[in-house]
Amino acid sequence: MSPVDDLLQEIQNLLAGPGIFYTSASQPWDVYEGYLFSLAVSTASSLGASVHYKDVHGSTVNNLVFRTTPGRLYSTKHPYTHAIVEFDRAPALEVHVGVQVQGNSGVAHECDVLILPSDEAALSRQIRMAPRGNKCLLAIECKYHTAGPVDIGHARNFEGLHSDLRTARNLFVSNTGAPNVVKYLSARKRGYEREVVPANVNTVGYTRGQIREAFKIYLGKTAPSTVI
């Protein structure tokens, strides 16, 4: 199978039910964002959360449609899908693909995969403004390269994103490795995982651990009696 087909198969395995609109003809970087979305959702489920899916209108859906270009969380132009994640005794969360988030500067930034409280997402839809980065749990930057290593410029952009968003956690995830990117992000103590692909069980496990940590921090503040 091609790398895209591998990603598609793993998305289906992780979601275990819902259909997806990606196909073998989809761009690999788009499918990679869907893969990281699926990892986040699957991690939540494995930790005991209940998960279901809704579109921007609030309707429950079983066929998932994701953005392939940056967009507004509140846009009703297309019925894009997000996941609702509910841990015991904790306020609900949402997981989105490709939405804009407002930084401390007031500038909107794209987040490839975003986890945020449902009440912040609801406010965004109500007032038609990007959710606030400092209210979000986790922003995942997804980089999929089909030729060569990830460029250092992507790491520098991620550093700027981290500095302005001020989310609880940020994570840089790529399908390839690059020593200069590792050195750059390590020096700044930024979260990153490289060579994250379905066949690499170790790096996938490390990425799940980073996602779990974001949920753990959230539950520590909102439902400290809930153990994950």
Protein backbone atom coordinates (compact mmCIF):
# COMPACT_ATOMS: atom_id res chain seq x y z
CA MET A 1 0.00 0.00 0.00
CA SER A 2 1.03 3.61 -0.49
CA PRO A 3 1.81 5.82 2.54
CA VAL A 4 -1.56 7.56 2.06
CA ASP A 5 -3.37 4.22 2.00
CA ASP A 6 -1.55 3.25 5.20
CA LEU A 7 -2.76 6.45 6.85
CA LEU A 8 -6.32 5.91 5.60
CA GLN A 9 -6.38 2.36 6.94
CA GLU A 10 -5.07 3.48 10.32
CA ILE A 11 -7.62 6.30 10.56
CA GLN A 12 -10.38 3.75 10.02
CA ASN A 13 -8.82 1.47 12.64
CA LEU A 14 -8.52 4.28 15.20
CA LEU A 15 -12.00 5.70 14.69
CA ALA A 16 -13.59 2.24 14.56
CA GLY A 17 -16.85 3.11 12.86
CA PRO A 18 -17.37 6.53 11.32
CA GLY A 19 -16.73 7.01 7.61
CA ILE A 20 -14.26 9.59 6.34
CA PHE A 21 -14.22 11.68 3.19
CA TYR A 22 -10.50 11.17 2.49
CA THR A 23 -9.58 8.89 -0.43
CA SER A 24 -6.36 7.57 -1.96
CA ALA A 25 -6.35 10.69 -4.14
CA SER A 26 -6.32 13.04 -1.13
CA GLN A 27 -3.20 15.07 -0.42
CA PRO A 28 -0.99 13.20 2.08
CA TRP A 29 -0.57 16.23 4.35
CA ASP A 30 -4.34 16.57 4.64
CA VAL A 31 -4.72 12.90 5.50
CA TYR A 32 -1.89 13.24 8.03
CA GLU A 33 -3.87 15.89 9.90
CA GLY A 34 -6.82 13.49 9.95
CA TYR A 35 -4.50 10.81 11.27
CA LEU A 36 -3.39 13.01 14.19
CA PHE A 37 -7.03 13.92 14.84
CA SER A 38 -7.78 10.21 14.99
CA LEU A 39 -4.87 9.60 17.37
CA ALA A 40 -6.18 12.31 19.70
CA VAL A 41 -9.71 10.92 19.64
CA SER A 42 -8.54 7.32 20.05
CA THR A 43 -6.31 8.31 22.98
CA ALA A 44 -9.24 9.99 24.72
CA SER A 45 -11.39 6.91 24.19
CA SER A 46 -8.67 4.60 25.53
CA LEU A 47 -8.53 6.76 28.68
CA GLY A 48 -12.23 6.25 29.35
CA ALA A 49 -13.78 9.24 27.61
CA SER A 50 -16.95 8.95 25.56
CA VAL A 51 -16.62 10.27 22.01
CA HIS A 52 -19.14 11.25 19.37
CA TYR A 53 -19.10 13.52 16.34
CA LYS A 54 -21.02 16.65 15.37
CA ASP A 55 -21.02 19.14 12.53
CA VAL A 56 -20.96 22.93 12.91
CA HIS A 57 -24.78 22.97 13.10
CA GLY A 58 -24.73 20.69 16.16
CA SER A 59 -26.08 17.64 14.35
CA THR A 60 -24.65 14.24 15.27
CA VAL A 61 -22.91 12.65 12.27
CA ASN A 62 -21.25 9.36 11.34
CA ASN A 63 -19.50 10.52 8.17
CA LEU A 64 -16.61 12.83 9.01
CA VAL A 65 -15.72 15.83 6.84
CA PHE A 66 -12.52 17.74 7.61
CA ARG A 67 -11.04 20.99 6.34
CA THR A 68 -8.19 20.81 3.85
CA THR A 69 -7.44 24.53 4.10
CA PRO A 70 -7.37 26.75 7.20
CA GLY A 71 -10.85 27.84 8.23
CA ARG A 72 -13.01 29.40 10.89
CA LEU A 73 -14.38 27.10 13.56
CA TYR A 74 -17.76 28.82 13.32
CA SER A 75 -18.06 28.77 9.51
CA THR A 76 -21.28 27.19 8.23
CA LYS A 77 -20.20 27.14 4.57
CA HIS A 78 -19.60 23.38 4.83
CA PRO A 79 -20.75 20.92 7.53
CA TYR A 80 -17.26 20.26 8.86
CA THR A 81 -16.93 17.70 11.61
CA HIS A 82 -15.48 17.85 15.11
CA ALA A 83 -15.31 15.32 17.91
CA ILE A 84 -17.01 15.77 21.29
CA VAL A 85 -14.91 14.22 24.08
CA GLU A 86 -16.40 13.74 27.54
CA PHE A 87 -14.46 12.53 30.54
CA ASP A 88 -16.25 11.59 33.74
CA ARG A 89 -17.17 14.65 35.85
CA ALA A 90 -15.33 17.06 33.54
CA PRO A 91 -16.70 19.72 31.15
CA ALA A 92 -16.80 18.47 27.56
CA LEU A 93 -14.01 19.04 25.06
CA GLU A 94 -13.92 19.35 21.27
CA VAL A 95 -11.28 18.21 18.77
CA HIS A 96 -11.04 20.08 15.44
CA VAL A 97 -8.94 19.93 12.26
CA GLY A 98 -7.57 23.02 10.50
CA VAL A 99 -9.15 25.86 12.48
CA GLN A 100 -7.91 29.36 13.21
CA VAL A 101 -7.13 30.35 16.78
CA GLN A 102 -6.58 33.83 18.18
CA GLY A 103 -3.20 34.51 19.74
CA ASN A 104 -2.38 36.97 22.51
CA SER A 105 -1.44 39.49 19.82
CA GLY A 106 -4.94 39.35 18.38
CA VAL A 107 -3.62 37.65 15.23
CA ALA A 108 -5.34 34.45 14.06
CA HIS A 109 -3.15 31.37 13.52
CA GLU A 110 -3.98 28.03 11.92
CA CYS A 111 -3.92 24.97 14.17
CA ASP A 112 -3.76 21.67 12.30
CA VAL A 113 -5.36 19.77 15.19
CA LEU A 114 -6.87 21.61 18.15
CA ILE A 115 -8.32 20.41 21.45
CA LEU A 116 -10.33 22.98 23.39
CA PRO A 117 -13.19 23.18 25.91
CA SER A 118 -16.63 22.91 24.36
CA ASP A 119 -17.73 26.12 26.03
CA GLU A 120 -14.92 28.05 24.30
CA ALA A 121 -15.91 26.48 20.97
CA ALA A 122 -19.56 27.33 21.62
CA LEU A 123 -18.60 30.95 22.35
CA SER A 124 -16.65 31.05 19.09
CA ARG A 125 -19.71 29.89 17.17
CA GLN A 126 -21.97 32.31 19.03
CA ILE A 127 -19.93 35.50 18.55
CA ARG A 128 -18.27 34.37 15.29
CA MET A 129 -14.72 34.92 16.44
CA ALA A 130 -11.75 32.57 16.59
CA PRO A 131 -11.35 30.75 19.91
CA ARG A 132 -8.71 32.13 22.25
CA GLY A 133 -5.44 30.22 22.28
CA ASN A 134 -4.92 30.66 26.01
CA LYS A 135 -8.20 28.81 26.62
CA CYS A 136 -7.16 25.74 24.58
CA LEU A 137 -5.62 22.48 25.81
CA LEU A 138 -3.44 21.38 22.92
CA ALA A 139 -2.46 22.58 19.45
CA ILE A 140 -0.75 20.01 17.22
CA GLU A 141 1.32 21.17 14.26
CA CYS A 142 1.38 18.37 11.64
CA LYS A 143 4.13 18.23 9.02
CA TYR A 144 4.10 15.54 6.35
CA HIS A 145 6.90 15.57 3.78
CA THR A 146 6.96 13.26 0.79
CA ALA A 147 10.60 14.06 -0.06
CA GLY A 148 13.41 15.02 2.27
CA PRO A 149 13.39 16.05 5.93
CA VAL A 150 11.24 18.70 7.55
CA ASP A 151 12.65 22.17 6.95
CA ILE A 152 13.96 24.25 9.86
CA GLY A 153 11.60 27.03 8.77
CA HIS A 154 8.64 24.93 9.94
CA ALA A 155 10.20 24.67 13.40
CA ARG A 156 10.74 28.43 13.53
CA ASN A 157 7.11 29.01 12.55
CA PHE A 158 6.04 26.60 15.27
CA GLU A 159 8.09 28.55 17.82
CA GLY A 160 6.30 31.75 16.83
CA LEU A 161 2.96 29.97 17.04
CA HIS A 162 3.76 28.68 20.52
CA SER A 163 4.85 32.11 21.74
CA ASP A 164 1.66 33.83 20.60
CA LEU A 165 -1.03 31.20 21.20
CA ARG A 166 -0.13 30.40 24.81
CA THR A 167 -2.17 27.20 24.71
CA ALA A 168 -1.68 24.86 27.65
CA ARG A 169 0.48 22.64 25.41
CA ASN A 170 1.74 22.67 21.82
CA LEU A 171 3.14 19.71 19.92
CA PHE A 172 5.13 19.52 16.66
CA VAL A 173 4.61 16.18 14.89
CA SER A 174 6.22 15.08 11.61
CA ASN A 175 6.53 11.96 9.51
CA THR A 176 10.28 12.51 8.99
CA GLY A 177 13.16 13.52 11.19
CA ALA A 178 15.69 16.35 10.91
CA PRO A 179 18.54 16.83 13.41
CA ASN A 180 18.48 20.63 13.11
CA VAL A 181 14.75 20.72 13.84
CA VAL A 182 15.25 18.48 16.87
CA LYS A 183 18.10 20.65 18.11
CA TYR A 184 16.12 23.85 17.62
CA LEU A 185 12.97 22.64 19.40
CA SER A 186 14.88 20.87 22.16
CA ALA A 187 16.80 24.05 23.00
CA ARG A 188 13.48 25.83 23.46
CA LYS A 189 11.91 22.96 25.40
CA ARG A 190 9.09 22.57 22.88
CA GLY A 191 7.13 19.36 22.53
CA TYR A 192 7.86 17.39 19.37
CA GLU A 193 7.65 13.88 17.99
CA ARG A 194 9.29 12.84 14.71
CA GLU A 195 8.81 9.88 12.37
CA VAL A 196 5.23 9.45 13.57
CA VAL A 197 3.63 7.02 11.12
CA PRO A 198 1.35 4.02 11.70
CA ALA A 199 4.17 1.48 11.32
CA ASN A 200 6.33 3.15 13.98
CA VAL A 201 4.63 1.95 17.15
CA ASN A 202 7.17 3.60 19.44
CA THR A 203 6.75 7.15 18.16
CA VAL A 204 2.98 6.69 17.94
CA GLY A 205 3.04 5.64 21.59
CA TYR A 206 5.11 8.68 22.53
CA THR A 207 2.63 10.94 20.72
CA ARG A 208 -0.27 9.34 22.56
CA GLY A 209 1.62 10.07 25.77
CA GLN A 210 1.89 13.75 24.89
CA ILE A 211 -1.83 13.90 24.12
CA ARG A 212 -2.64 12.09 27.37
CA GLU A 213 -0.60 14.67 29.27
CA ALA A 214 -2.76 17.47 27.86
CA PHE A 215 -5.91 15.66 28.99
CA LYS A 216 -4.32 14.96 32.37
CA ILE A 217 -3.52 18.64 32.95
CA TYR A 218 -7.08 19.60 31.99
CA LEU A 219 -8.63 17.03 34.32
CA GLY A 220 -6.31 18.10 37.12
CA LYS A 221 -7.93 21.52 36.94
CA THR A 222 -11.54 20.59 36.19
CA ALA A 223 -12.11 17.08 37.60
CA PRO A 224 -9.23 16.13 39.91
CA SER A 225 -11.02 12.99 41.11
CA THR A 226 -11.00 11.55 37.58
CA VAL A 227 -8.06 9.22 36.99
CA ILE A 228 -6.67 8.53 33.52
